[in-house]
């Protein structure tokens, strides 16, 4: 007989694996709009960065597959742990933006012209850098969130208008996220070249409180 707790753990790991694979494919267009403006040297750096991120994602996928196999073994042997199942469920709820989350991280503040594709690029870059939870102003971003153009001075997040200036908050390893955003040739530097009249700032935050995603 299968243990319900083990089955729940296996399902949680399988869902995390699926979302991670989808996220890997979505992140491939991060720099698509700026390649024509880059020098050969900067293109070489971007390619190296993308290769590094791909290796990191493959490592994460391998780790999740290993955990999935372990969960399957636990189910087969009737050794599923309720505590482990609850931990996996809580982790999945945070990753899918279904629960409120508090923690340290960074905030990227944008004051001026910005568009929905740039916002998508920024969110993908934060995810690649290891962000556990992301919000645009007070709109939580989930793995299936979408962005669109709004009226003047606003963007749309999951059908909801979010007016600028925008603060894209990300909970995770503060220094890792900060370096990923502010490094030479990084995404914020590219935005500053594209949106020359827009002001960008990246700050470390000791405590961020991000709401659960809106809607069902």
C-alpha atoms as a PDB file:
ATOM      1  CA  UNK A   1       0.000   0.000   0.000  1.00  0.00           C
ATOM      2  CA  UNK A   2       1.297   3.459  -0.870  1.00  0.00           C
ATOM      3  CA  UNK A   3       1.900   5.946   1.911  1.00  0.00           C
ATOM      4  CA  UNK A   4      -0.188   9.122   1.385  1.00  0.00           C
ATOM      5  CA  UNK A   5       2.648  11.234   2.824  1.00  0.00           C
ATOM      6  CA  UNK A   6       5.190   9.678   0.477  1.00  0.00           C
ATOM      7  CA  UNK A   7       2.877  10.153  -2.486  1.00  0.00           C
ATOM      8  CA  UNK A   8       2.458  13.818  -1.547  1.00  0.00           C
ATOM      9  CA  UNK A   9       6.242  14.260  -1.318  1.00  0.00           C
ATOM     10  CA  UNK A  10       6.715  12.626  -4.722  1.00  0.00           C
ATOM     11  CA  UNK A  11       4.037  14.842  -6.279  1.00  0.00           C
ATOM     12  CA  UNK A  12       5.581  18.000  -4.815  1.00  0.00           C
ATOM     13  CA  UNK A  13       9.033  17.152  -6.160  1.00  0.00           C
ATOM     14  CA  UNK A  14       7.569  16.249  -9.575  1.00  0.00           C
ATOM     15  CA  UNK A  15       5.755  19.594  -9.772  1.00  0.00           C
ATOM     16  CA  UNK A  16       8.927  21.482  -8.816  1.00  0.00           C
ATOM     17  CA  UNK A  17      10.829  19.628 -11.525  1.00  0.00           C
ATOM     18  CA  UNK A  18       8.205  20.464 -14.134  1.00  0.00           C
ATOM     19  CA  UNK A  19       8.133  24.160 -13.277  1.00  0.00           C
ATOM     20  CA  UNK A  20      11.937  24.340 -13.311  1.00  0.00           C
ATOM     21  CA  UNK A  21      12.110  22.809 -16.801  1.00  0.00           C
ATOM     22  CA  UNK A  22       9.510  25.292 -18.096  1.00  0.00           C
ATOM     23  CA  UNK A  23      11.407  28.165 -16.480  1.00  0.00           C
ATOM     24  CA  UNK A  24      14.616  27.051 -18.218  1.00  0.00           C
ATOM     25  CA  UNK A  25      12.996  27.313 -21.634  1.00  0.00           C
ATOM     26  CA  UNK A  26      11.339  30.671 -20.851  1.00  0.00           C
ATOM     27  CA  UNK A  27      14.640  32.194 -19.775  1.00  0.00           C
ATOM     28  CA  UNK A  28      16.338  31.735 -23.151  1.00  0.00           C
ATOM     29  CA  UNK A  29      15.087  35.090 -24.530  1.00  0.00           C
ATOM     30  CA  UNK A  30      16.503  37.238 -21.702  1.00  0.00           C
ATOM     31  CA  UNK A  31      18.947  39.123 -23.927  1.00  0.00           C
ATOM     32  CA  UNK A  32      17.169  38.698 -27.288  1.00  0.00           C
ATOM     33  CA  UNK A  33      16.308  42.382 -27.715  1.00  0.00           C
ATOM     34  CA  UNK A  34      19.799  43.732 -27.071  1.00  0.00           C
ATOM     35  CA  UNK A  35      22.109  41.388 -28.983  1.00  0.00           C
ATOM     36  CA  UNK A  36      22.347  43.640 -32.043  1.00  0.00           C
ATOM     37  CA  UNK A  37      23.638  46.480 -29.871  1.00  0.00           C
ATOM     38  CA  UNK A  38      26.424  44.453 -28.266  1.00  0.00           C
ATOM     39  CA  UNK A  39      30.133  44.355 -29.157  1.00  0.00           C
ATOM     40  CA  UNK A  40      31.827  41.000 -29.877  1.00  0.00           C
ATOM     41  CA  UNK A  41      33.485  41.157 -26.441  1.00  0.00           C
ATOM     42  CA  UNK A  42      30.213  41.743 -24.597  1.00  0.00           C
ATOM     43  CA  UNK A  43      28.501  39.036 -26.664  1.00  0.00           C
ATOM     44  CA  UNK A  44      31.219  36.612 -25.616  1.00  0.00           C
ATOM     45  CA  UNK A  45      30.586  37.505 -21.954  1.00  0.00           C
ATOM     46  CA  UNK A  46      26.833  37.066 -22.400  1.00  0.00           C
ATOM     47  CA  UNK A  47      27.322  33.652 -24.017  1.00  0.00           C
ATOM     48  CA  UNK A  48      29.604  32.583 -21.159  1.00  0.00           C
ATOM     49  CA  UNK A  49      27.022  33.796 -18.605  1.00  0.00           C
ATOM     50  CA  UNK A  50      24.232  31.924 -20.374  1.00  0.00           C
ATOM     51  CA  UNK A  51      26.336  28.750 -20.444  1.00  0.00           C
ATOM     52  CA  UNK A  52      26.967  29.115 -16.697  1.00  0.00           C
ATOM     53  CA  UNK A  53      23.239  29.542 -16.019  1.00  0.00           C
ATOM     54  CA  UNK A  54      22.418  26.528 -18.184  1.00  0.00           C
ATOM     55  CA  UNK A  55      24.874  24.417 -16.184  1.00  0.00           C
ATOM     56  CA  UNK A  56      23.329  25.627 -12.935  1.00  0.00           C
ATOM     57  CA  UNK A  57      19.828  24.775 -14.160  1.00  0.00           C
ATOM     58  CA  UNK A  58      20.948  21.317 -15.290  1.00  0.00           C
ATOM     59  CA  UNK A  59      22.432  20.731 -11.833  1.00  0.00           C
ATOM     60  CA  UNK A  60      19.144  21.793 -10.213  1.00  0.00           C
ATOM     61  CA  UNK A  61      17.172  19.502 -12.536  1.00  0.00           C
ATOM     62  CA  UNK A  62      19.496  16.587 -11.692  1.00  0.00           C
ATOM     63  CA  UNK A  63      19.034  17.280  -7.965  1.00  0.00           C
ATOM     64  CA  UNK A  64      15.237  17.399  -8.294  1.00  0.00           C
ATOM     65  CA  UNK A  65      15.211  14.163 -10.307  1.00  0.00           C
ATOM     66  CA  UNK A  66      17.275  12.511  -7.584  1.00  0.00           C
ATOM     67  CA  UNK A  67      14.813  13.732  -4.953  1.00  0.00           C
ATOM     68  CA  UNK A  68      11.950  12.450  -7.085  1.00  0.00           C
ATOM     69  CA  UNK A  69      13.553   9.011  -7.278  1.00  0.00           C
ATOM     70  CA  UNK A  70      14.061   9.044  -3.509  1.00  0.00           C
ATOM     71  CA  UNK A  71      10.413   9.981  -2.988  1.00  0.00           C
ATOM     72  CA  UNK A  72       9.329   7.175  -5.332  1.00  0.00           C
ATOM     73  CA  UNK A  73      11.453   4.720  -3.349  1.00  0.00           C
ATOM     74  CA  UNK A  74       9.906   5.980  -0.118  1.00  0.00           C
ATOM     75  CA  UNK A  75       6.419   5.432  -1.541  1.00  0.00           C
ATOM     76  CA  UNK A  76       7.277   1.935  -2.724  1.00  0.00           C
ATOM     77  CA  UNK A  77       8.701   1.062   0.683  1.00  0.00           C
ATOM     78  CA  UNK A  78       5.920   2.749   2.643  1.00  0.00           C
ATOM     79  CA  UNK A  79       8.438   5.069   4.314  1.00  0.00           C
ATOM     80  CA  UNK A  80       6.980   8.446   3.333  1.00  0.00           C
ATOM     81  CA  UNK A  81       7.406  11.034   6.056  1.00  0.00           C
ATOM     82  CA  UNK A  82       4.568  13.386   6.921  1.00  0.00           C
ATOM     83  CA  UNK A  83       7.073  16.020   8.017  1.00  0.00           C
ATOM     84  CA  UNK A  84       8.930  15.762   4.701  1.00  0.00           C
ATOM     85  CA  UNK A  85       5.666  15.919   2.777  1.00  0.00           C
ATOM     86  CA  UNK A  86       4.656  19.055   4.658  1.00  0.00           C
ATOM     87  CA  UNK A  87       8.062  20.633   3.985  1.00  0.00           C
ATOM     88  CA  UNK A  88       7.786  19.857   0.277  1.00  0.00           C
ATOM     89  CA  UNK A  89       4.261  21.250   0.186  1.00  0.00           C
ATOM     90  CA  UNK A  90       5.318  24.489   1.907  1.00  0.00           C
ATOM     91  CA  UNK A  91       8.217  24.852  -0.533  1.00  0.00           C
ATOM     92  CA  UNK A  92       5.887  24.294  -3.477  1.00  0.00           C
ATOM     93  CA  UNK A  93       3.407  26.861  -2.152  1.00  0.00           C
ATOM     94  CA  UNK A  94       6.168  29.480  -1.965  1.00  0.00           C
ATOM     95  CA  UNK A  95       7.492  28.621  -5.430  1.00  0.00           C
ATOM     96  CA  UNK A  96       4.007  28.749  -6.969  1.00  0.00           C
ATOM     97  CA  UNK A  97       3.324  32.060  -5.138  1.00  0.00           C
ATOM     98  CA  UNK A  98       0.331  30.584  -3.292  1.00  0.00           C
ATOM     99  CA  UNK A  99       1.553  31.670   0.114  1.00  0.00           C
ATOM    100  CA  UNK A 100       2.800  34.908   1.623  1.00  0.00           C
ATOM    101  CA  UNK A 101       6.557  34.958   2.190  1.00  0.00           C
ATOM    102  CA  UNK A 102       8.923  37.126   4.206  1.00  0.00           C
ATOM    103  CA  UNK A 103      12.691  37.302   4.024  1.00  0.00           C
ATOM    104  CA  UNK A 104      15.794  39.214   2.920  1.00  0.00           C
ATOM    105  CA  UNK A 105      16.584  40.021  -0.681  1.00  0.00           C
ATOM    106  CA  UNK A 106      16.835  42.970  -3.057  1.00  0.00           C
ATOM    107  CA  UNK A 107      14.601  45.550  -4.714  1.00  0.00           C
ATOM    108  CA  UNK A 108      15.138  46.853  -8.252  1.00  0.00           C
ATOM    109  CA  UNK A 109      13.510  50.281  -8.552  1.00  0.00           C
ATOM    110  CA  UNK A 110      12.552  51.624 -11.976  1.00  0.00           C
ATOM    111  CA  UNK A 111      11.486  55.233 -12.470  1.00  0.00           C
ATOM    112  CA  UNK A 112      10.697  56.124 -16.071  1.00  0.00           C
ATOM    113  CA  UNK A 113       9.919  54.406 -19.367  1.00  0.00           C
ATOM    114  CA  UNK A 114       9.861  50.607 -19.234  1.00  0.00           C
ATOM    115  CA  UNK A 115       7.983  47.914 -21.158  1.00  0.00           C
ATOM    116  CA  UNK A 116       6.504  44.487 -20.544  1.00  0.00           C
ATOM    117  CA  UNK A 117       9.251  42.545 -22.344  1.00  0.00           C
ATOM    118  CA  UNK A 118      11.919  44.273 -20.278  1.00  0.00           C
ATOM    119  CA  UNK A 119       9.950  43.403 -17.130  1.00  0.00           C
ATOM    120  CA  UNK A 120       9.759  39.768 -18.242  1.00  0.00           C
ATOM    121  CA  UNK A 121      13.524  39.770 -18.881  1.00  0.00           C
ATOM    122  CA  UNK A 122      14.172  41.196 -15.419  1.00  0.00           C
ATOM    123  CA  UNK A 123      11.940  38.630 -13.696  1.00  0.00           C
ATOM    124  CA  UNK A 124      13.613  35.776 -15.601  1.00  0.00           C
ATOM    125  CA  UNK A 125      17.058  37.089 -14.657  1.00  0.00           C
ATOM    126  CA  UNK A 126      16.066  37.197 -10.982  1.00  0.00           C
ATOM    127  CA  UNK A 127      14.783  33.627 -11.196  1.00  0.00           C
ATOM    128  CA  UNK A 128      18.015  32.507 -12.844  1.00  0.00           C
ATOM    129  CA  UNK A 129      19.939  34.150  -9.997  1.00  0.00           C
ATOM    130  CA  UNK A 130      18.009  32.055  -7.460  1.00  0.00           C
ATOM    131  CA  UNK A 131      15.143  34.303  -6.340  1.00  0.00           C
ATOM    132  CA  UNK A 132      12.655  32.299  -4.275  1.00  0.00           C
ATOM    133  CA  UNK A 133       9.785  34.808  -4.542  1.00  0.00           C
ATOM    134  CA  UNK A 134       9.221  37.911  -6.706  1.00  0.00           C
ATOM    135  CA  UNK A 135       6.698  40.762  -6.724  1.00  0.00           C
ATOM    136  CA  UNK A 136       6.183  43.856  -8.880  1.00  0.00           C
ATOM    137  CA  UNK A 137       5.067  46.563  -6.442  1.00  0.00           C
ATOM    138  CA  UNK A 138       2.344  44.649  -4.557  1.00  0.00           C
ATOM    139  CA  UNK A 139       1.589  42.146  -7.350  1.00  0.00           C
ATOM    140  CA  UNK A 140       3.140  38.737  -6.645  1.00  0.00           C
ATOM    141  CA  UNK A 141       4.663  36.972  -9.642  1.00  0.00           C
ATOM    142  CA  UNK A 142       4.142  33.223 -10.046  1.00  0.00           C
ATOM    143  CA  UNK A 143       5.567  30.662 -12.503  1.00  0.00           C
ATOM    144  CA  UNK A 144       2.611  31.214 -14.870  1.00  0.00           C
ATOM    145  CA  UNK A 145       2.446  35.007 -14.565  1.00  0.00           C
ATOM    146  CA  UNK A 146       2.315  37.094 -17.727  1.00  0.00           C
ATOM    147  CA  UNK A 147       3.080  40.744 -18.460  1.00  0.00           C
ATOM    148  CA  UNK A 148       1.487  43.159 -20.892  1.00  0.00           C
ATOM    149  CA  UNK A 149       1.373  46.836 -21.860  1.00  0.00           C
ATOM    150  CA  UNK A 150      -0.898  49.109 -19.861  1.00  0.00           C
ATOM    151  CA  UNK A 151      -2.067  52.671 -20.142  1.00  0.00           C
ATOM    152  CA  UNK A 152       0.551  55.412 -20.007  1.00  0.00           C
ATOM    153  CA  UNK A 153       2.748  54.936 -16.945  1.00  0.00           C
ATOM    154  CA  UNK A 154       1.564  51.412 -16.140  1.00  0.00           C
ATOM    155  CA  UNK A 155       2.208  47.763 -16.998  1.00  0.00           C
ATOM    156  CA  UNK A 156      -0.071  44.757 -16.666  1.00  0.00           C
ATOM    157  CA  UNK A 157       0.760  41.819 -14.388  1.00  0.00           C
ATOM    158  CA  UNK A 158      -1.665  38.895 -14.716  1.00  0.00           C
ATOM    159  CA  UNK A 159      -4.349  41.227 -16.052  1.00  0.00           C
ATOM    160  CA  UNK A 160      -3.865  43.776 -13.285  1.00  0.00           C
ATOM    161  CA  UNK A 161      -2.524  47.285 -13.996  1.00  0.00           C
ATOM    162  CA  UNK A 162       0.559  48.178 -11.954  1.00  0.00           C
ATOM    163  CA  UNK A 163       1.599  51.817 -12.183  1.00  0.00           C
ATOM    164  CA  UNK A 164       5.165  53.078 -12.143  1.00  0.00           C
ATOM    165  CA  UNK A 165       7.552  53.797 -10.652  1.00  0.00           C
ATOM    166  CA  UNK A 166       8.007  50.073 -10.148  1.00  0.00           C
ATOM    167  CA  UNK A 167       9.807  48.148  -7.425  1.00  0.00           C
ATOM    168  CA  UNK A 168      10.605  44.582  -8.429  1.00  0.00           C
ATOM    169  CA  UNK A 169      11.280  42.818  -5.118  1.00  0.00           C
ATOM    170  CA  UNK A 170      12.994  39.434  -4.897  1.00  0.00           C
ATOM    171  CA  UNK A 171      13.547  37.268  -1.821  1.00  0.00           C
ATOM    172  CA  UNK A 172      16.656  35.095  -1.814  1.00  0.00           C
ATOM    173  CA  UNK A 173      20.396  35.205  -1.195  1.00  0.00           C
ATOM    174  CA  UNK A 174      20.888  38.973  -0.990  1.00  0.00           C
ATOM    175  CA  UNK A 175      24.495  39.219  -2.168  1.00  0.00           C
ATOM    176  CA  UNK A 176      24.021  36.728  -4.990  1.00  0.00           C
ATOM    177  CA  UNK A 177      20.983  38.593  -6.293  1.00  0.00           C
ATOM    178  CA  UNK A 178      22.672  41.992  -5.891  1.00  0.00           C
ATOM    179  CA  UNK A 179      25.773  40.919  -7.825  1.00  0.00           C
ATOM    180  CA  UNK A 180      23.662  39.319 -10.560  1.00  0.00           C
ATOM    181  CA  UNK A 181      21.817  42.597 -11.101  1.00  0.00           C
ATOM    182  CA  UNK A 182      24.699  45.072 -10.775  1.00  0.00           C
ATOM    183  CA  UNK A 183      27.644  43.258 -12.380  1.00  0.00           C
ATOM    184  CA  UNK A 184      29.367  44.820 -15.395  1.00  0.00           C
ATOM    185  CA  UNK A 185      27.418  43.903 -18.525  1.00  0.00           C
ATOM    186  CA  UNK A 186      24.491  42.706 -16.416  1.00  0.00           C
ATOM    187  CA  UNK A 187      20.848  43.263 -17.141  1.00  0.00           C
ATOM    188  CA  UNK A 188      20.532  46.554 -15.239  1.00  0.00           C
ATOM    189  CA  UNK A 189      23.516  47.949 -17.145  1.00  0.00           C
ATOM    190  CA  UNK A 190      21.855  46.917 -20.410  1.00  0.00           C
ATOM    191  CA  UNK A 191      18.602  48.571 -19.375  1.00  0.00           C
ATOM    192  CA  UNK A 192      20.492  51.802 -18.659  1.00  0.00           C
ATOM    193  CA  UNK A 193      21.766  51.786 -22.244  1.00  0.00           C
ATOM    194  CA  UNK A 194      18.324  51.070 -23.720  1.00  0.00           C
ATOM    195  CA  UNK A 195      16.267  53.368 -21.457  1.00  0.00           C
ATOM    196  CA  UNK A 196      18.662  56.260 -21.060  1.00  0.00           C
ATOM    197  CA  UNK A 197      16.098  58.551 -19.413  1.00  0.00           C
ATOM    198  CA  UNK A 198      14.958  55.945 -16.905  1.00  0.00           C
ATOM    199  CA  UNK A 199      16.532  55.694 -13.463  1.00  0.00           C
ATOM    200  CA  UNK A 200      17.426  52.251 -12.105  1.00  0.00           C
ATOM    201  CA  UNK A 201      18.604  51.428  -8.587  1.00  0.00           C
ATOM    202  CA  UNK A 202      19.275  48.129  -6.828  1.00  0.00           C
ATOM    203  CA  UNK A 203      19.145  48.009  -3.036  1.00  0.00           C
ATOM    204  CA  UNK A 204      19.740  45.269  -0.500  1.00  0.00           C
ATOM    205  CA  UNK A 205      16.739  44.659   1.756  1.00  0.00           C
ATOM    206  CA  UNK A 206      16.959  42.996   5.167  1.00  0.00           C
ATOM    207  CA  UNK A 207      13.250  42.125   5.178  1.00  0.00           C
ATOM    208  CA  UNK A 208      10.715  41.958   2.363  1.00  0.00           C
ATOM    209  CA  UNK A 209       7.084  40.917   2.789  1.00  0.00           C
ATOM    210  CA  UNK A 210       5.560  39.628  -0.447  1.00  0.00           C
ATOM    211  CA  UNK A 211       1.855  38.772  -0.682  1.00  0.00           C
ATOM    212  CA  UNK A 212       0.387  35.611  -2.162  1.00  0.00           C
ATOM    213  CA  UNK A 213      -0.577  35.765  -5.816  1.00  0.00           C
ATOM    214  CA  UNK A 214      -3.991  37.271  -6.499  1.00  0.00           C
ATOM    215  CA  UNK A 215      -6.829  35.263  -8.011  1.00  0.00           C
ATOM    216  CA  UNK A 216      -7.782  31.590  -7.815  1.00  0.00           C
END
